[in-house]
Protein backbone atom coordinates (compact mmCIF):
# COMPACT_ATOMS: atom_id res chain seq x y z
CA UNK A 1 0.01 -0.06 0.01
CA UNK A 2 2.79 2.39 0.80
CA UNK A 3 4.45 1.49 -2.34
CA UNK A 4 1.42 2.48 -4.41
CA UNK A 5 1.30 5.84 -2.47
CA UNK A 6 5.04 6.49 -3.45
CA UNK A 7 4.39 5.69 -7.14
CA UNK A 8 1.30 8.09 -7.15
CA UNK A 9 3.52 10.85 -5.59
CA UNK A 10 6.44 10.19 -8.13
CA UNK A 11 3.90 10.44 -11.01
CA UNK A 12 2.44 13.69 -9.68
CA UNK A 13 5.97 15.21 -9.12
CA UNK A 14 7.08 14.18 -12.68
CA UNK A 15 3.85 15.58 -14.24
CA UNK A 16 3.96 18.77 -12.17
CA UNK A 17 7.60 19.45 -12.89
CA UNK A 18 6.94 18.91 -16.59
CA UNK A 19 4.13 21.45 -16.53
CA UNK A 20 6.16 24.00 -14.54
CA UNK A 21 9.03 23.64 -17.11
CA UNK A 22 6.76 24.01 -20.00
CA UNK A 23 5.17 27.14 -18.57
CA UNK A 24 8.62 28.52 -17.87
CA UNK A 25 9.74 27.92 -21.43
CA UNK A 26 6.69 29.68 -22.80
CA UNK A 27 7.11 32.63 -20.61
CA UNK A 28 10.78 33.10 -21.55
CA UNK A 29 10.33 32.69 -25.19
CA UNK A 30 7.57 35.13 -25.97
CA UNK A 31 8.47 38.75 -26.53
CA UNK A 32 5.58 40.86 -25.40
CA UNK A 33 3.98 43.01 -28.13
CA UNK A 34 5.32 46.43 -28.72
CA UNK A 35 3.48 49.32 -27.13
CA UNK A 36 1.50 51.35 -29.75
CA UNK A 37 3.77 54.38 -28.99
CA UNK A 38 7.07 52.44 -29.31
CA UNK A 39 9.31 54.32 -31.97
CA UNK A 40 13.02 54.17 -32.41
CA UNK A 41 14.39 57.62 -32.90
CA UNK A 42 17.75 58.90 -31.94
CA UNK A 43 21.32 59.19 -33.10
CA UNK A 44 23.03 56.39 -34.93
CA UNK A 45 26.48 57.88 -34.59
CA UNK A 46 25.97 57.78 -30.72
CA UNK A 47 24.68 54.36 -31.20
CA UNK A 48 28.06 53.30 -32.98
CA UNK A 49 30.01 54.68 -29.91
CA UNK A 50 27.71 52.69 -27.55
CA UNK A 51 27.83 49.72 -29.67
CA UNK A 52 31.70 49.70 -29.95
CA UNK A 53 31.87 50.14 -26.08
CA UNK A 54 29.19 47.42 -25.17
CA UNK A 55 28.56 45.10 -28.10
CA UNK A 56 31.52 44.84 -30.49
CA UNK A 57 33.58 42.61 -28.24
CA UNK A 58 31.19 39.77 -29.19
CA UNK A 59 29.32 41.06 -32.29
CA UNK A 60 32.40 42.45 -33.90
CA UNK A 61 33.00 46.13 -34.91
CA UNK A 62 31.40 45.34 -38.24
CA UNK A 63 28.36 43.65 -36.67
CA UNK A 64 29.21 40.34 -38.35
CA UNK A 65 29.08 38.31 -35.04
CA UNK A 66 32.88 37.69 -35.28
CA UNK A 67 34.15 39.68 -32.27
CA UNK A 68 37.03 38.30 -30.20
CA UNK A 69 34.73 37.74 -27.25
CA UNK A 70 32.20 35.73 -29.31
CA UNK A 71 34.70 33.50 -30.89
CA UNK A 72 33.98 30.49 -28.68
CA UNK A 73 30.29 31.13 -28.00
CA UNK A 74 27.73 28.57 -29.03
CA UNK A 75 25.49 29.64 -30.47
CA UNK A 76 27.60 32.46 -32.02
CA UNK A 77 26.55 36.05 -31.58
CA UNK A 78 23.95 37.44 -34.02
CA UNK A 79 25.30 38.56 -37.46
CA UNK A 80 23.72 42.00 -37.97
CA UNK A 81 25.06 42.12 -41.56
CA UNK A 82 22.57 39.35 -42.73
CA UNK A 83 19.90 41.50 -44.31
CA UNK A 84 17.35 38.75 -44.74
CA UNK A 85 17.67 37.81 -40.95
CA UNK A 86 17.58 41.45 -39.82
CA UNK A 87 14.54 42.17 -42.00
CA UNK A 88 12.62 39.65 -39.83
CA UNK A 89 13.61 41.33 -36.49
CA UNK A 90 11.58 44.25 -35.46
CA UNK A 91 13.03 47.12 -33.62
CA UNK A 92 10.91 46.06 -30.73
CA UNK A 93 12.43 42.62 -30.60
CA UNK A 94 15.92 44.01 -30.64
CA UNK A 95 14.98 46.49 -27.90
CA UNK A 96 13.67 43.66 -25.71
CA UNK A 97 16.68 41.40 -26.28
CA UNK A 98 19.18 44.20 -25.50
CA UNK A 99 17.18 45.31 -22.48
CA UNK A 100 16.35 41.92 -20.93
CA UNK A 101 18.92 39.63 -22.44
CA UNK A 102 18.62 36.61 -24.64
CA UNK A 103 17.32 34.03 -22.23
CA UNK A 104 14.18 36.04 -21.40
CA UNK A 105 13.47 36.31 -25.08
CA UNK A 106 14.05 32.69 -26.02
CA UNK A 107 17.58 33.14 -27.16
CA UNK A 108 20.99 32.37 -25.72
CA UNK A 109 21.55 32.92 -22.05
CA UNK A 110 25.02 34.28 -23.22
CA UNK A 111 23.46 37.54 -24.39
CA UNK A 112 23.28 39.64 -21.28
CA UNK A 113 20.76 42.16 -20.16
CA UNK A 114 21.73 45.75 -20.49
CA UNK A 115 18.78 47.22 -18.60
CA UNK A 116 21.12 48.32 -15.66
CA UNK A 117 23.87 49.40 -17.97
CA UNK A 118 22.26 51.48 -20.83
CA UNK A 119 19.28 53.84 -20.83
CA UNK A 120 16.28 53.15 -23.09
CA UNK A 121 17.55 56.00 -25.43
CA UNK A 122 21.07 54.49 -25.43
CA UNK A 123 19.52 51.18 -26.59
CA UNK A 124 17.44 52.92 -29.28
CA UNK A 125 20.56 54.66 -30.60
CA UNK A 126 22.25 51.25 -30.70
CA UNK A 127 19.44 49.78 -32.74
CA UNK A 128 19.73 52.55 -35.23
CA UNK A 129 23.44 51.74 -35.55
CA UNK A 130 22.69 48.06 -35.88
CA UNK A 131 20.30 48.73 -38.70
CA UNK A 132 23.23 50.26 -40.73
CA UNK A 133 25.15 46.96 -40.82
CA UNK A 134 22.65 45.17 -43.10
CA UNK A 135 21.72 48.35 -45.15
CA UNK A 136 18.19 47.15 -45.47
CA UNK A 137 14.92 48.85 -44.97
CA UNK A 138 13.41 48.96 -41.56
CA UNK A 139 11.29 45.90 -41.10
CA UNK A 140 7.58 45.90 -40.59
CA UNK A 141 6.31 45.80 -36.92
CA UNK A 142 5.86 42.18 -35.51
């Protein structure tokens, strides 16, 4: 009888932990929708300075994902020169990833959060600079 009780407890624990892990995965991978008033305006040249100081170590000064600090990362840092890939990434998505880090947005945990390092305007300036790497049109909102 006690053996049956332990089996039931074990089954409940396994199912419960699976549900918790599933819920955690969903909450980490979904970037919330952009606020209606979200607009990226700023200064791309200031964004270049900020990118060089905070991002280039891993993403490379050319934005190609080949910085010295990213050499051994798996997955490798994002290649911002890939126009097709960047066309699919909204400014809001880039903003959330830089602000909250990769893991909270369903990406690599190696992409750190910069919300305590950069201001919202700093991040918008960086996004404007990032957009210069692919030389493509601004993507449609997602």
